[in-house]
């Protein structure tokens, strides 16, 4: 059984973006909630902007 992970990117209206790897959309929503809480931004503010197989090149 292979663990296929995708990169999920979310963006808030303020321009704050978060991107991370998760195995499912459900897992991504849980991680988004934790990251949003750490940033002090309501999780509802973040919109899913993309799902990729590779991370975006925003270095």
N, C-alpha and C. Protein backbone atom coordinates (compact mmCIF):
# COMPACT_ATOMS: atom_id res chain seq x y z
N UNK A 1 0.85 -1.19 0.00
CA UNK A 1 0.00 0.00 0.00
C UNK A 1 0.88 1.25 0.00
N UNK A 2 0.76 2.04 -1.01
CA UNK A 2 1.58 3.24 -1.08
C UNK A 2 0.88 4.43 -0.43
N UNK A 3 1.68 5.27 0.15
CA UNK A 3 1.17 6.47 0.82
C UNK A 3 1.30 7.63 -0.15
N UNK A 4 0.28 7.91 -0.93
CA UNK A 4 0.35 9.00 -1.89
C UNK A 4 -0.01 10.30 -1.20
N UNK A 5 0.98 11.18 -1.14
CA UNK A 5 0.74 12.47 -0.51
C UNK A 5 0.68 13.55 -1.56
N UNK A 6 -0.15 14.53 -1.32
CA UNK A 6 -0.25 15.70 -2.18
C UNK A 6 0.06 16.94 -1.35
N UNK A 7 0.41 18.00 -2.04
CA UNK A 7 0.65 19.28 -1.37
C UNK A 7 -0.60 20.13 -1.48
N UNK A 8 -1.09 20.57 -0.35
CA UNK A 8 -2.30 21.40 -0.30
C UNK A 8 -1.89 22.82 0.04
N UNK A 9 -2.38 23.78 -0.73
CA UNK A 9 -2.09 25.19 -0.48
C UNK A 9 -3.39 25.92 -0.15
N UNK A 10 -3.33 26.73 0.90
CA UNK A 10 -4.47 27.53 1.32
C UNK A 10 -4.03 28.99 1.42
N UNK A 11 -4.96 29.90 1.15
CA UNK A 11 -4.65 31.32 1.25
C UNK A 11 -5.78 32.06 1.95
N UNK A 12 -5.39 33.00 2.82
CA UNK A 12 -6.35 33.84 3.51
C UNK A 12 -6.48 35.16 2.73
N UNK A 13 -7.60 35.87 2.91
CA UNK A 13 -7.76 37.16 2.22
C UNK A 13 -6.64 38.15 2.53
N UNK A 14 -6.01 38.01 3.68
CA UNK A 14 -4.93 38.92 4.06
C UNK A 14 -3.66 38.67 3.25
N UNK A 15 -3.66 37.57 2.46
CA UNK A 15 -2.47 37.24 1.67
C UNK A 15 -1.60 36.18 2.32
N UNK A 16 -1.94 35.76 3.53
CA UNK A 16 -1.18 34.72 4.21
C UNK A 16 -1.45 33.39 3.52
N UNK A 17 -0.37 32.69 3.15
CA UNK A 17 -0.54 31.39 2.52
C UNK A 17 0.14 30.32 3.37
N UNK A 18 -0.45 29.14 3.34
CA UNK A 18 0.15 27.99 4.00
C UNK A 18 0.11 26.83 3.00
N UNK A 19 1.18 26.06 2.98
CA UNK A 19 1.24 24.89 2.10
C UNK A 19 1.91 23.77 2.86
N UNK A 20 1.35 22.58 2.74
CA UNK A 20 1.90 21.44 3.45
C UNK A 20 1.48 20.16 2.75
N UNK A 21 2.10 19.07 3.16
CA UNK A 21 1.83 17.77 2.57
C UNK A 21 0.84 17.00 3.44
N UNK A 22 -0.11 16.33 2.80
CA UNK A 22 -1.10 15.53 3.51
C UNK A 22 -1.53 14.37 2.62
N UNK A 23 -2.05 13.33 3.23
CA UNK A 23 -2.46 12.15 2.47
C UNK A 23 -3.89 12.27 1.94
N UNK A 24 -4.69 13.16 2.52
CA UNK A 24 -6.08 13.31 2.07
C UNK A 24 -6.56 14.72 2.35
N UNK A 25 -7.66 15.08 1.70
CA UNK A 25 -8.24 16.40 1.94
C UNK A 25 -8.70 16.51 3.39
N UNK A 26 -9.21 15.43 3.94
CA UNK A 26 -9.65 15.45 5.35
C UNK A 26 -8.47 15.75 6.27
N UNK A 27 -7.34 15.09 6.03
CA UNK A 27 -6.15 15.36 6.84
C UNK A 27 -5.69 16.80 6.63
N UNK A 28 -5.77 17.28 5.40
CA UNK A 28 -5.35 18.66 5.10
C UNK A 28 -6.20 19.66 5.88
N UNK A 29 -7.49 19.39 6.01
CA UNK A 29 -8.36 20.31 6.75
C UNK A 29 -7.99 20.35 8.24
N UNK A 30 -7.60 19.22 8.79
CA UNK A 30 -7.18 19.16 10.19
C UNK A 30 -5.88 19.96 10.38
N UNK A 31 -4.93 19.76 9.45
CA UNK A 31 -3.66 20.48 9.53
C UNK A 31 -3.90 21.98 9.35
N UNK A 32 -4.78 22.34 8.41
CA UNK A 32 -5.10 23.76 8.18
C UNK A 32 -5.63 24.40 9.46
N UNK A 33 -6.50 23.68 10.16
CA UNK A 33 -7.08 24.20 11.40
C UNK A 33 -5.98 24.48 12.43
N UNK A 34 -5.02 23.54 12.56
CA UNK A 34 -3.92 23.72 13.51
C UNK A 34 -3.03 24.89 13.11
N UNK A 35 -2.69 24.97 11.81
CA UNK A 35 -1.81 26.06 11.35
C UNK A 35 -2.49 27.41 11.51
N UNK A 36 -3.77 27.48 11.19
CA UNK A 36 -4.52 28.74 11.31
C UNK A 36 -4.55 29.17 12.78
N UNK A 37 -4.75 28.22 13.67
CA UNK A 37 -4.77 28.53 15.11
C UNK A 37 -3.42 29.07 15.56
N UNK A 38 -2.33 28.45 15.08
CA UNK A 38 -0.97 28.91 15.42
C UNK A 38 -0.74 30.34 14.93
N UNK A 39 -1.32 30.67 13.77
CA UNK A 39 -1.14 32.01 13.19
C UNK A 39 -2.12 33.03 13.77
N UNK A 40 -3.11 32.55 14.52
CA UNK A 40 -4.10 33.44 15.10
C UNK A 40 -5.12 33.93 14.08
N UNK A 41 -5.34 33.13 13.02
CA UNK A 41 -6.28 33.49 11.96
C UNK A 41 -7.40 32.45 11.98
N UNK A 42 -8.66 32.86 11.87
CA UNK A 42 -9.75 31.86 11.84
C UNK A 42 -9.58 30.90 10.67
N UNK A 43 -9.80 29.62 10.92
CA UNK A 43 -9.62 28.61 9.86
C UNK A 43 -10.54 28.86 8.67
N UNK A 44 -11.69 29.49 8.92
CA UNK A 44 -12.63 29.79 7.83
C UNK A 44 -12.07 30.82 6.85
N UNK A 45 -11.07 31.58 7.28
CA UNK A 45 -10.50 32.62 6.42
C UNK A 45 -9.68 32.00 5.28
N UNK A 46 -9.20 30.78 5.48
CA UNK A 46 -8.35 30.16 4.47
C UNK A 46 -9.17 29.43 3.41
N UNK A 47 -8.86 29.71 2.16
CA UNK A 47 -9.50 29.05 1.01
C UNK A 47 -8.48 28.10 0.40
N UNK A 48 -8.92 26.94 -0.02
CA UNK A 48 -8.05 26.01 -0.73
C UNK A 48 -7.73 26.60 -2.10
N UNK A 49 -6.44 26.78 -2.39
CA UNK A 49 -6.06 27.37 -3.68
C UNK A 49 -5.51 26.34 -4.64
N UNK A 50 -4.88 25.28 -4.13
CA UNK A 50 -4.37 24.26 -5.05
C UNK A 50 -4.05 22.95 -4.34
N UNK A 51 -4.05 21.90 -5.13
CA UNK A 51 -3.61 20.57 -4.70
C UNK A 51 -2.62 20.11 -5.76
N UNK A 52 -1.39 19.82 -5.36
CA UNK A 52 -0.34 19.44 -6.31
C UNK A 52 0.35 18.15 -5.86
N UNK A 53 1.06 17.57 -6.78
CA UNK A 53 1.89 16.41 -6.46
C UNK A 53 3.27 16.85 -5.97
N UNK A 54 3.68 18.07 -6.36
CA UNK A 54 4.98 18.61 -5.94
C UNK A 54 4.75 19.96 -5.27
N UNK A 55 5.65 20.35 -4.36
CA UNK A 55 5.47 21.66 -3.71
C UNK A 55 5.65 22.81 -4.70
N UNK A 56 5.02 23.92 -4.40
CA UNK A 56 5.21 25.10 -5.25
C UNK A 56 6.59 25.66 -4.99
N UNK A 57 7.14 26.34 -5.96
CA UNK A 57 8.49 26.88 -5.83
C UNK A 57 8.45 28.32 -5.34
N UNK A 58 8.08 28.50 -4.10
CA UNK A 58 7.98 29.85 -3.53
C UNK A 58 9.08 30.03 -2.49
N UNK A 59 10.32 30.01 -2.94
CA UNK A 59 11.46 30.12 -2.03
C UNK A 59 12.05 31.50 -2.08
